[in-house]
N, C-alpha and C. Protein backbone atom coordinates (compact mmCIF):
# COMPACT_ATOMS: atom_id res chain seq x y z
N MET A 1 150.01 177.21 242.26
CA MET A 1 150.13 176.00 241.46
C MET A 1 150.19 176.37 239.98
N PHE A 2 150.86 175.55 239.26
CA PHE A 2 151.05 175.70 237.83
C PHE A 2 151.83 176.96 237.47
N GLY A 3 152.50 177.57 238.43
CA GLY A 3 153.29 178.75 238.14
C GLY A 3 154.75 178.41 237.90
N ASN A 4 155.28 177.57 238.73
CA ASN A 4 156.69 177.19 238.64
C ASN A 4 156.81 175.76 238.16
N GLN A 5 156.82 175.59 236.85
CA GLN A 5 156.88 174.26 236.26
C GLN A 5 158.18 174.05 235.52
N ILE A 6 158.60 172.79 235.51
CA ILE A 6 159.73 172.42 234.66
C ILE A 6 159.29 171.26 233.79
N LYS A 7 159.71 171.30 232.54
CA LYS A 7 159.40 170.20 231.63
C LYS A 7 160.37 169.06 231.91
N LEU A 8 159.82 167.89 232.18
CA LEU A 8 160.65 166.73 232.49
C LEU A 8 161.01 165.94 231.24
N PHE A 9 159.99 165.60 230.45
CA PHE A 9 160.20 164.79 229.26
C PHE A 9 158.92 164.80 228.44
N ARG A 10 158.99 164.13 227.31
CA ARG A 10 157.83 163.97 226.43
C ARG A 10 157.50 162.49 226.40
N LEU A 11 156.22 162.17 226.59
CA LEU A 11 155.77 160.78 226.64
C LEU A 11 154.54 160.63 225.76
N ALA A 12 154.63 159.75 224.77
CA ALA A 12 153.52 159.49 223.85
C ALA A 12 153.01 160.77 223.20
N GLY A 13 153.91 161.71 222.97
CA GLY A 13 153.54 162.97 222.33
C GLY A 13 153.05 164.04 223.28
N PHE A 14 153.07 163.79 224.58
CA PHE A 14 152.60 164.76 225.57
C PHE A 14 153.79 165.26 226.40
N ASP A 15 153.84 166.58 226.60
CA ASP A 15 154.85 167.14 227.50
C ASP A 15 154.46 166.81 228.93
N VAL A 16 155.39 166.26 229.69
CA VAL A 16 155.16 165.97 231.10
C VAL A 16 155.93 167.02 231.90
N MET A 17 155.17 167.77 232.71
CA MET A 17 155.76 168.86 233.48
C MET A 17 155.59 168.60 234.97
N LEU A 18 156.48 169.18 235.74
CA LEU A 18 156.45 169.03 237.19
C LEU A 18 156.31 170.41 237.81
N ASP A 19 155.21 170.61 238.52
CA ASP A 19 155.05 171.82 239.30
C ASP A 19 155.92 171.67 240.55
N LEU A 20 156.59 172.72 240.95
CA LEU A 20 157.50 172.62 242.09
C LEU A 20 156.79 172.22 243.38
N SER A 21 155.47 172.39 243.43
CA SER A 21 154.72 171.95 244.61
C SER A 21 154.79 170.44 244.78
N TRP A 22 155.03 169.71 243.68
CA TRP A 22 155.10 168.25 243.78
C TRP A 22 156.35 167.82 244.53
N VAL A 23 157.38 168.62 244.50
CA VAL A 23 158.61 168.30 245.23
C VAL A 23 158.31 168.16 246.72
N PHE A 24 157.44 169.02 247.24
CA PHE A 24 157.03 168.93 248.65
C PHE A 24 156.41 167.57 248.95
N ILE A 25 155.53 167.11 248.07
CA ILE A 25 154.88 165.81 248.28
C ILE A 25 155.90 164.69 248.18
N ALA A 26 156.80 164.76 247.22
CA ALA A 26 157.82 163.72 247.07
C ALA A 26 158.68 163.62 248.32
N LEU A 27 159.07 164.77 248.87
CA LEU A 27 159.86 164.77 250.10
C LEU A 27 159.06 164.23 251.27
N LEU A 28 157.80 164.63 251.37
CA LEU A 28 156.94 164.17 252.46
C LEU A 28 156.71 162.66 252.39
N VAL A 29 156.45 162.14 251.21
CA VAL A 29 156.24 160.70 251.04
C VAL A 29 157.53 159.95 251.37
N SER A 30 158.65 160.42 250.85
CA SER A 30 159.94 159.77 251.13
C SER A 30 160.22 159.75 252.63
N TRP A 31 160.04 160.88 253.29
CA TRP A 31 160.29 160.99 254.72
C TRP A 31 159.36 160.08 255.53
N THR A 32 158.07 160.09 255.19
CA THR A 32 157.10 159.27 255.91
C THR A 32 157.43 157.79 255.78
N LEU A 33 157.75 157.36 254.57
CA LEU A 33 158.10 155.95 254.37
C LEU A 33 159.41 155.60 255.06
N ALA A 34 160.41 156.48 254.95
CA ALA A 34 161.75 156.19 255.48
C ALA A 34 161.81 156.22 257.00
N THR A 35 161.01 157.05 257.63
CA THR A 35 161.09 157.18 259.09
C THR A 35 159.93 156.55 259.83
N GLY A 36 158.85 156.24 259.12
CA GLY A 36 157.68 155.67 259.77
C GLY A 36 157.36 154.26 259.35
N TYR A 37 156.98 154.11 258.11
CA TYR A 37 156.48 152.81 257.65
C TYR A 37 157.56 151.73 257.57
N PHE A 38 158.61 151.98 256.82
CA PHE A 38 159.61 150.93 256.58
C PHE A 38 160.34 150.47 257.84
N PRO A 39 160.72 151.36 258.77
CA PRO A 39 161.35 150.85 260.00
C PRO A 39 160.44 149.93 260.81
N ASP A 40 159.13 150.18 260.78
CA ASP A 40 158.19 149.29 261.47
C ASP A 40 158.00 147.98 260.72
N ALA A 41 157.91 148.08 259.40
CA ALA A 41 157.65 146.89 258.58
C ALA A 41 158.89 146.01 258.42
N TYR A 42 160.06 146.62 258.39
CA TYR A 42 161.32 145.90 258.18
C TYR A 42 162.36 146.37 259.19
N PRO A 43 162.23 145.99 260.45
CA PRO A 43 163.14 146.49 261.48
C PRO A 43 164.57 145.98 261.30
N GLY A 44 165.51 146.79 261.80
CA GLY A 44 166.90 146.36 261.84
C GLY A 44 167.76 146.75 260.65
N LEU A 45 167.23 147.50 259.71
CA LEU A 45 168.03 147.92 258.56
C LEU A 45 168.71 149.26 258.83
N GLU A 46 169.68 149.58 258.02
CA GLU A 46 170.39 150.85 258.14
C GLU A 46 169.48 152.00 257.67
N PRO A 47 169.63 153.20 258.25
CA PRO A 47 168.83 154.34 257.82
C PRO A 47 168.94 154.64 256.33
N LEU A 48 170.12 154.46 255.75
CA LEU A 48 170.29 154.71 254.32
C LEU A 48 169.40 153.78 253.49
N ILE A 49 169.23 152.56 253.95
CA ILE A 49 168.35 151.61 253.25
C ILE A 49 166.91 152.09 253.33
N TYR A 50 166.48 152.54 254.52
CA TYR A 50 165.11 153.05 254.67
C TYR A 50 164.88 154.26 253.77
N TRP A 51 165.86 155.17 253.71
CA TRP A 51 165.72 156.34 252.86
C TRP A 51 165.70 155.95 251.38
N SER A 52 166.49 154.98 251.01
CA SER A 52 166.46 154.50 249.62
C SER A 52 165.10 153.92 249.29
N MET A 53 164.56 153.15 250.22
CA MET A 53 163.23 152.56 250.01
C MET A 53 162.16 153.66 249.93
N GLY A 54 162.29 154.69 250.77
CA GLY A 54 161.35 155.80 250.74
C GLY A 54 161.38 156.56 249.43
N ILE A 55 162.58 156.77 248.91
CA ILE A 55 162.73 157.47 247.62
C ILE A 55 162.16 156.63 246.49
N VAL A 56 162.40 155.33 246.53
CA VAL A 56 161.82 154.44 245.51
C VAL A 56 160.29 154.46 245.61
N GLY A 57 159.76 154.51 246.83
CA GLY A 57 158.32 154.61 247.01
C GLY A 57 157.76 155.89 246.41
N ALA A 58 158.44 157.00 246.62
CA ALA A 58 158.00 158.28 246.04
C ALA A 58 158.09 158.23 244.52
N ALA A 59 159.13 157.59 243.99
CA ALA A 59 159.25 157.44 242.53
C ALA A 59 158.12 156.58 241.99
N GLY A 60 157.73 155.56 242.74
CA GLY A 60 156.58 154.74 242.34
C GLY A 60 155.30 155.54 242.29
N LEU A 61 155.12 156.42 243.26
CA LEU A 61 153.95 157.31 243.25
C LEU A 61 153.98 158.20 242.01
N PHE A 62 155.15 158.76 241.71
CA PHE A 62 155.33 159.60 240.53
C PHE A 62 154.92 158.84 239.26
N LEU A 63 155.43 157.62 239.12
CA LEU A 63 155.13 156.83 237.91
C LEU A 63 153.66 156.44 237.84
N SER A 64 153.05 156.15 238.98
CA SER A 64 151.63 155.77 238.95
C SER A 64 150.75 156.96 238.56
N ILE A 65 151.12 158.16 239.01
CA ILE A 65 150.36 159.35 238.61
C ILE A 65 150.55 159.63 237.12
N ILE A 66 151.77 159.45 236.63
CA ILE A 66 152.03 159.62 235.19
C ILE A 66 151.16 158.65 234.39
N LEU A 67 151.13 157.38 234.79
CA LEU A 67 150.31 156.38 234.09
C LEU A 67 148.84 156.77 234.12
N HIS A 68 148.36 157.21 235.27
CA HIS A 68 146.96 157.61 235.43
C HIS A 68 146.62 158.75 234.47
N GLU A 69 147.43 159.79 234.47
CA GLU A 69 147.17 160.95 233.61
C GLU A 69 147.39 160.63 232.13
N LEU A 70 148.36 159.78 231.85
CA LEU A 70 148.58 159.36 230.46
C LEU A 70 147.36 158.63 229.92
N SER A 71 146.71 157.83 230.76
CA SER A 71 145.51 157.12 230.33
C SER A 71 144.40 158.09 229.96
N HIS A 72 144.18 159.12 230.80
CA HIS A 72 143.20 160.16 230.45
C HIS A 72 143.56 160.78 229.09
N SER A 73 144.84 161.08 228.92
CA SER A 73 145.30 161.79 227.72
C SER A 73 145.17 160.94 226.46
N LEU A 74 145.46 159.66 226.55
CA LEU A 74 145.35 158.79 225.38
C LEU A 74 143.91 158.62 224.94
N VAL A 75 142.99 158.52 225.89
CA VAL A 75 141.57 158.44 225.53
C VAL A 75 141.12 159.77 224.93
N ALA A 76 141.59 160.88 225.47
CA ALA A 76 141.25 162.18 224.89
C ALA A 76 141.72 162.27 223.45
N ARG A 77 142.92 161.80 223.19
CA ARG A 77 143.45 161.79 221.82
C ARG A 77 142.54 160.98 220.91
N ARG A 78 142.03 159.87 221.40
CA ARG A 78 141.14 159.00 220.62
C ARG A 78 139.89 159.76 220.16
N PHE A 79 139.46 160.74 220.97
CA PHE A 79 138.28 161.54 220.64
C PHE A 79 138.67 162.91 220.06
N ASP A 80 139.89 163.01 219.55
CA ASP A 80 140.38 164.25 218.91
C ASP A 80 140.32 165.46 219.83
N ILE A 81 140.58 165.25 221.10
CA ILE A 81 140.66 166.34 222.06
C ILE A 81 142.15 166.62 222.30
N PRO A 82 142.62 167.79 221.89
CA PRO A 82 144.05 168.08 222.08
C PRO A 82 144.41 168.19 223.57
N ILE A 83 145.48 167.54 223.94
CA ILE A 83 146.03 167.64 225.29
C ILE A 83 147.35 168.40 225.16
N THR A 84 147.43 169.53 225.85
CA THR A 84 148.62 170.37 225.73
C THR A 84 149.74 169.94 226.66
N GLY A 85 149.45 169.05 227.59
CA GLY A 85 150.49 168.55 228.48
C GLY A 85 149.90 167.91 229.72
N ILE A 86 150.77 167.29 230.48
CA ILE A 86 150.42 166.67 231.75
C ILE A 86 151.28 167.33 232.81
N THR A 87 150.66 167.76 233.90
CA THR A 87 151.40 168.39 234.98
C THR A 87 151.17 167.63 236.28
N LEU A 88 152.26 167.33 236.97
CA LEU A 88 152.18 166.77 238.31
C LEU A 88 152.29 167.93 239.29
N PHE A 89 151.40 167.96 240.29
CA PHE A 89 151.43 169.03 241.27
C PHE A 89 151.05 168.47 242.63
N ILE A 90 150.94 169.31 243.62
CA ILE A 90 150.79 168.88 245.01
C ILE A 90 149.60 167.93 245.23
N PHE A 91 148.54 168.05 244.48
CA PHE A 91 147.36 167.21 244.66
C PHE A 91 147.29 166.03 243.70
N GLY A 92 148.32 165.80 242.93
CA GLY A 92 148.34 164.67 242.00
C GLY A 92 148.80 165.09 240.63
N GLY A 93 147.91 164.98 239.66
CA GLY A 93 148.26 165.34 238.30
C GLY A 93 147.04 165.83 237.55
N VAL A 94 147.30 166.45 236.40
CA VAL A 94 146.22 166.93 235.56
C VAL A 94 146.68 166.89 234.10
N ALA A 95 145.77 166.45 233.25
CA ALA A 95 145.99 166.50 231.80
C ALA A 95 145.30 167.77 231.31
N HIS A 96 146.05 168.63 230.65
CA HIS A 96 145.51 169.91 230.20
C HIS A 96 144.81 169.74 228.85
N MET A 97 143.49 169.87 228.85
CA MET A 97 142.70 169.74 227.61
C MET A 97 142.56 171.10 226.95
N ALA A 98 142.72 171.13 225.64
CA ALA A 98 142.55 172.37 224.89
C ALA A 98 141.07 172.68 224.63
N LYS A 99 140.23 171.65 224.69
CA LYS A 99 138.79 171.86 224.54
C LYS A 99 138.05 170.78 225.32
N GLU A 100 136.78 170.99 225.52
CA GLU A 100 135.96 170.05 226.28
C GLU A 100 135.61 168.83 225.43
N PRO A 101 135.35 167.69 226.06
CA PRO A 101 134.93 166.51 225.31
C PRO A 101 133.62 166.79 224.57
N PRO A 102 133.46 166.23 223.36
CA PRO A 102 132.29 166.55 222.54
C PRO A 102 130.99 165.91 223.02
N THR A 103 131.08 164.78 223.71
CA THR A 103 129.87 164.08 224.15
C THR A 103 130.04 163.62 225.60
N ALA A 104 128.91 163.29 226.20
CA ALA A 104 128.95 162.74 227.56
C ALA A 104 129.69 161.41 227.58
N ARG A 105 129.51 160.62 226.54
CA ARG A 105 130.20 159.33 226.45
C ARG A 105 131.71 159.51 226.42
N SER A 106 132.19 160.43 225.59
CA SER A 106 133.64 160.65 225.51
C SER A 106 134.17 161.20 226.84
N GLU A 107 133.41 162.05 227.49
CA GLU A 107 133.84 162.57 228.78
C GLU A 107 133.91 161.46 229.83
N PHE A 108 132.91 160.58 229.82
CA PHE A 108 132.91 159.45 230.76
C PHE A 108 134.11 158.54 230.52
N LEU A 109 134.36 158.21 229.27
CA LEU A 109 135.48 157.32 228.95
C LEU A 109 136.82 157.94 229.32
N MET A 110 136.94 159.25 229.09
CA MET A 110 138.16 159.94 229.51
C MET A 110 138.30 159.92 231.03
N ALA A 111 137.22 160.17 231.71
CA ALA A 111 137.26 160.24 233.18
C ALA A 111 137.58 158.89 233.80
N ILE A 112 137.04 157.82 233.25
CA ILE A 112 137.21 156.50 233.85
C ILE A 112 138.56 155.87 233.47
N ALA A 113 139.20 156.35 232.43
CA ALA A 113 140.46 155.75 231.97
C ALA A 113 141.56 155.80 233.03
N GLY A 114 141.68 156.91 233.73
CA GLY A 114 142.71 157.03 234.75
C GLY A 114 142.51 156.06 235.91
N PRO A 115 141.32 156.03 236.51
CA PRO A 115 141.09 155.07 237.59
C PRO A 115 141.24 153.61 237.14
N ILE A 116 140.86 153.30 235.91
CA ILE A 116 141.05 151.92 235.43
C ILE A 116 142.55 151.60 235.35
N ALA A 117 143.33 152.54 234.84
CA ALA A 117 144.78 152.31 234.77
C ALA A 117 145.36 152.12 236.17
N SER A 118 144.91 152.91 237.13
CA SER A 118 145.38 152.77 238.51
C SER A 118 144.96 151.43 239.10
N LEU A 119 143.75 150.99 238.80
CA LEU A 119 143.26 149.70 239.29
C LEU A 119 144.07 148.55 238.69
N VAL A 120 144.35 148.62 237.40
CA VAL A 120 145.16 147.59 236.75
C VAL A 120 146.56 147.56 237.36
N LEU A 121 147.15 148.72 237.58
CA LEU A 121 148.48 148.79 238.18
C LEU A 121 148.47 148.19 239.59
N SER A 122 147.45 148.51 240.37
CA SER A 122 147.38 147.94 241.73
C SER A 122 147.21 146.43 241.67
N GLY A 123 146.44 145.94 240.71
CA GLY A 123 146.30 144.49 240.54
C GLY A 123 147.61 143.82 240.19
N LEU A 124 148.39 144.46 239.32
CA LEU A 124 149.71 143.92 238.97
C LEU A 124 150.63 143.88 240.18
N PHE A 125 150.61 144.94 240.98
CA PHE A 125 151.43 144.96 242.19
C PHE A 125 150.97 143.89 243.18
N TYR A 126 149.67 143.73 243.30
CA TYR A 126 149.14 142.70 244.21
C TYR A 126 149.59 141.31 243.77
N LEU A 127 149.46 141.02 242.48
CA LEU A 127 149.88 139.71 241.97
C LEU A 127 151.38 139.49 242.15
N THR A 128 152.16 140.54 241.93
CA THR A 128 153.61 140.44 242.12
C THR A 128 153.94 140.17 243.59
N ALA A 129 153.29 140.89 244.49
CA ALA A 129 153.54 140.68 245.92
C ALA A 129 153.08 139.30 246.37
N SER A 130 151.96 138.83 245.85
CA SER A 130 151.45 137.50 246.21
C SER A 130 152.40 136.41 245.73
N ALA A 131 152.96 136.59 244.55
CA ALA A 131 153.88 135.60 244.00
C ALA A 131 155.19 135.57 244.79
N ALA A 132 155.58 136.72 245.36
CA ALA A 132 156.83 136.81 246.11
C ALA A 132 156.73 136.17 247.49
N LEU A 133 155.51 136.01 247.99
CA LEU A 133 155.35 135.45 249.34
C LEU A 133 155.37 133.99 249.32
């Protein structure tokens, strides 16, 4: 891990990198959704539609991990902790800190920022799905 990385883009001043191990997860998620979940949930569609839905699902996972790690990074910036980049890899993502948080409070706020962002995102998706029904 963290050996074979490619820089994807820069977001809010942070380099976002992709470890090649994440490609395995993206393929696995796409395949699982396209061949397992979506055909059961939405029967009768063409395989290309299921694969498109699976790829969109994997892209959604990618974006949610980016948001999660970006939240950690923005709080770190607030406490003057340099973040050298964000890397997505097989187990999720990581924000690379150049130094440790100065206080327990700053460490707690950095740690909780990612899960809060994920919770807010899930709430938005829930409200969107509820409104569509």
